[in-house]
Amino acid sequence: METESPKAENRLITIYRCTRDVIKAEALAREQKLSFRIIPVPRSISPLCGMALELDGRDYPDFKARLEKAGLEVQPVEKKSPSL
């Protein structure tokens, strides 16, 4: 289900409204051959959907454009800290 983990210093978390959006975002990430993982969203970050995509922040601008083109709304991106 997951690809190679993003490098620690560049990881970002993208948060979605619902599980269906996470699944669609996962498909888009696979199409782009991005390095990503599906992770649980800590409630301290968002009370929305319980899953998120963690990916390399350098890939985010192009990925966000594809998400928007597909009609997916991504919540603000949070840099992943070691405590998460």
N, C-alpha and C. Protein backbone atom coordinates (compact mmCIF):
# COMPACT_ATOMS: atom_id res chain seq x y z
N MET A 1 0.82 -1.19 0.00
CA MET A 1 0.00 0.00 0.00
C MET A 1 0.86 1.26 0.00
N GLU A 2 2.05 1.20 0.55
CA GLU A 2 2.88 2.38 0.66
C GLU A 2 4.10 2.23 -0.22
N THR A 3 4.70 3.37 -0.53
CA THR A 3 5.94 3.35 -1.27
C THR A 3 7.07 3.68 -0.31
N GLU A 4 8.25 3.82 -0.84
CA GLU A 4 9.40 4.16 -0.02
C GLU A 4 9.11 5.40 0.82
N SER A 5 9.55 5.41 2.09
CA SER A 5 9.29 6.53 2.98
C SER A 5 10.03 7.78 2.53
N PRO A 6 9.37 8.95 2.64
CA PRO A 6 10.04 10.20 2.32
C PRO A 6 11.21 10.44 3.27
N LYS A 7 12.22 11.16 2.82
CA LYS A 7 13.36 11.48 3.68
C LYS A 7 12.88 12.34 4.84
N ALA A 8 13.39 12.07 6.04
CA ALA A 8 12.91 12.70 7.27
C ALA A 8 12.91 14.23 7.23
N GLU A 9 13.94 14.83 6.66
CA GLU A 9 14.03 16.28 6.71
C GLU A 9 13.05 16.99 5.76
N ASN A 10 12.42 16.27 4.86
CA ASN A 10 11.54 16.89 3.88
C ASN A 10 10.08 16.45 4.00
N ARG A 11 9.73 15.70 5.03
CA ARG A 11 8.38 15.14 5.12
C ARG A 11 7.32 16.20 5.40
N LEU A 12 6.21 16.06 4.71
CA LEU A 12 5.03 16.89 4.94
C LEU A 12 3.83 15.98 5.07
N ILE A 13 2.84 16.44 5.81
CA ILE A 13 1.59 15.70 5.95
C ILE A 13 0.51 16.46 5.20
N THR A 14 -0.22 15.75 4.34
CA THR A 14 -1.35 16.37 3.66
C THR A 14 -2.62 15.76 4.24
N ILE A 15 -3.54 16.63 4.61
CA ILE A 15 -4.75 16.22 5.33
C ILE A 15 -5.97 16.43 4.44
N TYR A 16 -6.89 15.48 4.49
CA TYR A 16 -8.06 15.48 3.60
C TYR A 16 -9.35 15.44 4.40
N ARG A 17 -10.46 15.73 3.72
CA ARG A 17 -11.77 15.78 4.37
C ARG A 17 -12.30 14.42 4.78
N CYS A 18 -12.02 13.41 3.94
CA CYS A 18 -12.59 12.09 4.21
C CYS A 18 -11.69 10.99 3.65
N THR A 19 -11.97 9.77 4.05
CA THR A 19 -11.17 8.62 3.63
C THR A 19 -11.19 8.46 2.11
N ARG A 20 -12.32 8.71 1.49
CA ARG A 20 -12.41 8.60 0.03
C ARG A 20 -11.40 9.53 -0.65
N ASP A 21 -11.23 10.74 -0.11
CA ASP A 21 -10.26 11.68 -0.68
C ASP A 21 -8.83 11.19 -0.50
N VAL A 22 -8.55 10.56 0.63
CA VAL A 22 -7.21 10.00 0.86
C VAL A 22 -6.92 8.91 -0.18
N ILE A 23 -7.90 8.07 -0.45
CA ILE A 23 -7.73 6.99 -1.42
C ILE A 23 -7.49 7.57 -2.82
N LYS A 24 -8.21 8.61 -3.18
CA LYS A 24 -8.00 9.26 -4.48
C LYS A 24 -6.62 9.90 -4.54
N ALA A 25 -6.22 10.56 -3.45
CA ALA A 25 -4.90 11.19 -3.41
C ALA A 25 -3.80 10.13 -3.51
N GLU A 26 -4.01 8.99 -2.86
CA GLU A 26 -3.05 7.89 -2.96
C GLU A 26 -2.89 7.45 -4.41
N ALA A 27 -3.99 7.32 -5.13
CA ALA A 27 -3.92 6.92 -6.54
C ALA A 27 -3.14 7.94 -7.37
N LEU A 28 -3.37 9.22 -7.10
CA LEU A 28 -2.63 10.26 -7.83
C LEU A 28 -1.15 10.21 -7.50
N ALA A 29 -0.82 9.97 -6.23
CA ALA A 29 0.59 9.88 -5.82
C ALA A 29 1.27 8.70 -6.50
N ARG A 30 0.55 7.59 -6.61
CA ARG A 30 1.10 6.41 -7.30
C ARG A 30 1.33 6.71 -8.78
N GLU A 31 0.38 7.40 -9.41
CA GLU A 31 0.52 7.76 -10.82
C GLU A 31 1.77 8.61 -11.05
N GLN A 32 2.06 9.50 -10.09
CA GLN A 32 3.22 10.37 -10.20
C GLN A 32 4.50 9.68 -9.71
N LYS A 33 4.36 8.45 -9.23
CA LYS A 33 5.50 7.69 -8.70
C LYS A 33 6.19 8.44 -7.56
N LEU A 34 5.39 9.02 -6.67
CA LEU A 34 5.92 9.75 -5.52
C LEU A 34 6.26 8.80 -4.38
N SER A 35 7.18 9.23 -3.56
CA SER A 35 7.50 8.53 -2.33
C SER A 35 6.52 9.03 -1.26
N PHE A 36 5.69 8.14 -0.71
CA PHE A 36 4.69 8.55 0.27
C PHE A 36 4.33 7.39 1.18
N ARG A 37 3.63 7.73 2.26
CA ARG A 37 3.03 6.73 3.15
C ARG A 37 1.68 7.24 3.59
N ILE A 38 0.80 6.31 3.90
CA ILE A 38 -0.47 6.67 4.52
C ILE A 38 -0.25 6.54 6.02
N ILE A 39 -0.62 7.57 6.76
CA ILE A 39 -0.39 7.59 8.20
C ILE A 39 -1.67 8.02 8.91
N PRO A 40 -1.79 7.69 10.20
CA PRO A 40 -2.92 8.22 10.99
C PRO A 40 -2.68 9.70 11.28
N VAL A 41 -3.73 10.49 11.29
CA VAL A 41 -3.60 11.91 11.60
C VAL A 41 -3.76 12.10 13.10
N PRO A 42 -2.76 12.66 13.76
CA PRO A 42 -2.93 12.95 15.19
C PRO A 42 -4.06 13.96 15.39
N ARG A 43 -4.93 13.72 16.33
CA ARG A 43 -6.07 14.61 16.58
C ARG A 43 -5.61 16.03 16.92
N SER A 44 -4.38 16.16 17.40
CA SER A 44 -3.86 17.50 17.70
C SER A 44 -3.66 18.32 16.43
N ILE A 45 -3.55 17.66 15.29
CA ILE A 45 -3.38 18.35 14.01
C ILE A 45 -4.73 18.63 13.36
N SER A 46 -5.61 17.62 13.33
CA SER A 46 -6.89 17.79 12.65
C SER A 46 -7.92 16.79 13.16
N PRO A 47 -9.15 17.24 13.36
CA PRO A 47 -10.22 16.32 13.75
C PRO A 47 -10.92 15.72 12.53
N LEU A 48 -10.44 16.04 11.33
CA LEU A 48 -11.07 15.53 10.10
C LEU A 48 -10.76 14.05 9.95
N CYS A 49 -10.71 13.59 8.74
CA CYS A 49 -10.43 12.20 8.41
C CYS A 49 -9.23 11.69 9.22
N GLY A 50 -9.26 10.45 9.62
CA GLY A 50 -8.20 9.89 10.45
C GLY A 50 -6.97 9.44 9.70
N MET A 51 -6.94 9.60 8.37
CA MET A 51 -5.79 9.19 7.58
C MET A 51 -5.25 10.38 6.80
N ALA A 52 -3.95 10.34 6.52
CA ALA A 52 -3.30 11.40 5.74
C ALA A 52 -2.21 10.78 4.89
N LEU A 53 -1.70 11.56 3.96
CA LEU A 53 -0.54 11.14 3.18
C LEU A 53 0.67 11.92 3.69
N GLU A 54 1.74 11.20 3.91
CA GLU A 54 3.00 11.82 4.25
C GLU A 54 3.88 11.70 3.00
N LEU A 55 4.40 12.81 2.54
CA LEU A 55 5.20 12.77 1.33
C LEU A 55 6.34 13.76 1.41
N ASP A 56 7.22 13.69 0.45
CA ASP A 56 8.36 14.58 0.36
C ASP A 56 7.84 15.97 0.01
N GLY A 57 8.18 16.96 0.80
CA GLY A 57 7.70 18.31 0.59
C GLY A 57 8.10 18.90 -0.74
N ARG A 58 9.19 18.44 -1.30
CA ARG A 58 9.63 18.95 -2.61
C ARG A 58 8.66 18.53 -3.72
N ASP A 59 7.92 17.45 -3.49
CA ASP A 59 6.94 16.98 -4.49
C ASP A 59 5.59 17.68 -4.35
N TYR A 60 5.40 18.40 -3.25
CA TYR A 60 4.08 18.93 -2.93
C TYR A 60 3.51 19.91 -3.96
N PRO A 61 4.25 20.89 -4.47
CA PRO A 61 3.62 21.84 -5.40
C PRO A 61 2.96 21.16 -6.62
N ASP A 62 3.66 20.24 -7.25
CA ASP A 62 3.09 19.53 -8.40
C ASP A 62 1.94 18.62 -7.97
N PHE A 63 2.11 17.97 -6.82
CA PHE A 63 1.06 17.08 -6.32
C PHE A 63 -0.20 17.88 -5.99
N LYS A 64 -0.04 19.03 -5.37
CA LYS A 64 -1.20 19.86 -5.02
C LYS A 64 -1.95 20.28 -6.29
N ALA A 65 -1.22 20.64 -7.33
CA ALA A 65 -1.87 21.03 -8.59
C ALA A 65 -2.69 19.87 -9.15
N ARG A 66 -2.17 18.65 -9.07
CA ARG A 66 -2.92 17.48 -9.54
C ARG A 66 -4.14 17.22 -8.68
N LEU A 67 -4.00 17.41 -7.36
CA LEU A 67 -5.14 17.24 -6.45
C LEU A 67 -6.26 18.22 -6.82
N GLU A 68 -5.88 19.48 -7.02
CA GLU A 68 -6.87 20.50 -7.35
C GLU A 68 -7.54 20.20 -8.68
N LYS A 69 -6.77 19.76 -9.66
CA LYS A 69 -7.33 19.41 -10.97
C LYS A 69 -8.33 18.27 -10.84
N ALA A 70 -8.08 17.36 -9.90
CA ALA A 70 -8.98 16.22 -9.67
C ALA A 70 -10.17 16.60 -8.77
N GLY A 71 -10.20 17.84 -8.30
CA GLY A 71 -11.31 18.29 -7.47
C GLY A 71 -11.17 17.92 -6.01
N LEU A 72 -9.96 17.58 -5.58
CA LEU A 72 -9.74 17.22 -4.18
C LEU A 72 -9.26 18.43 -3.40
N GLU A 73 -9.83 18.61 -2.24
CA GLU A 73 -9.43 19.71 -1.36
C GLU A 73 -8.45 19.17 -0.33
N VAL A 74 -7.28 19.72 -0.33
CA VAL A 74 -6.27 19.31 0.65
C VAL A 74 -6.23 20.38 1.74
N GLN A 75 -6.19 19.96 2.97
CA GLN A 75 -6.10 20.88 4.08
C GLN A 75 -4.68 21.41 4.18
N PRO A 76 -4.46 22.46 4.96
CA PRO A 76 -3.11 23.00 5.10
C PRO A 76 -2.11 21.89 5.40
N VAL A 77 -0.95 22.05 4.86
CA VAL A 77 0.10 21.05 5.00
C VAL A 77 0.92 21.37 6.24
N GLU A 78 1.12 20.37 7.06
CA GLU A 78 1.89 20.51 8.29
C GLU A 78 3.21 19.79 8.16
N LYS A 79 4.29 20.42 8.53
CA LYS A 79 5.58 19.75 8.54
C LYS A 79 5.57 18.73 9.66
N LYS A 80 5.99 17.54 9.38
CA LYS A 80 5.98 16.48 10.37
C LYS A 80 7.15 16.65 11.32
N SER A 81 6.86 16.69 12.60
CA SER A 81 7.92 16.79 13.60
C SER A 81 8.21 15.41 14.15
N PRO A 82 9.38 15.24 14.76
CA PRO A 82 9.72 13.93 15.32
C PRO A 82 8.74 13.42 16.36
N SER A 83 7.98 14.33 17.01
CA SER A 83 7.04 13.89 18.05
C SER A 83 5.78 13.26 17.49
N LEU A 84 5.56 13.38 16.17
CA LEU A 84 4.36 12.79 15.58
C LEU A 84 4.66 11.37 15.31
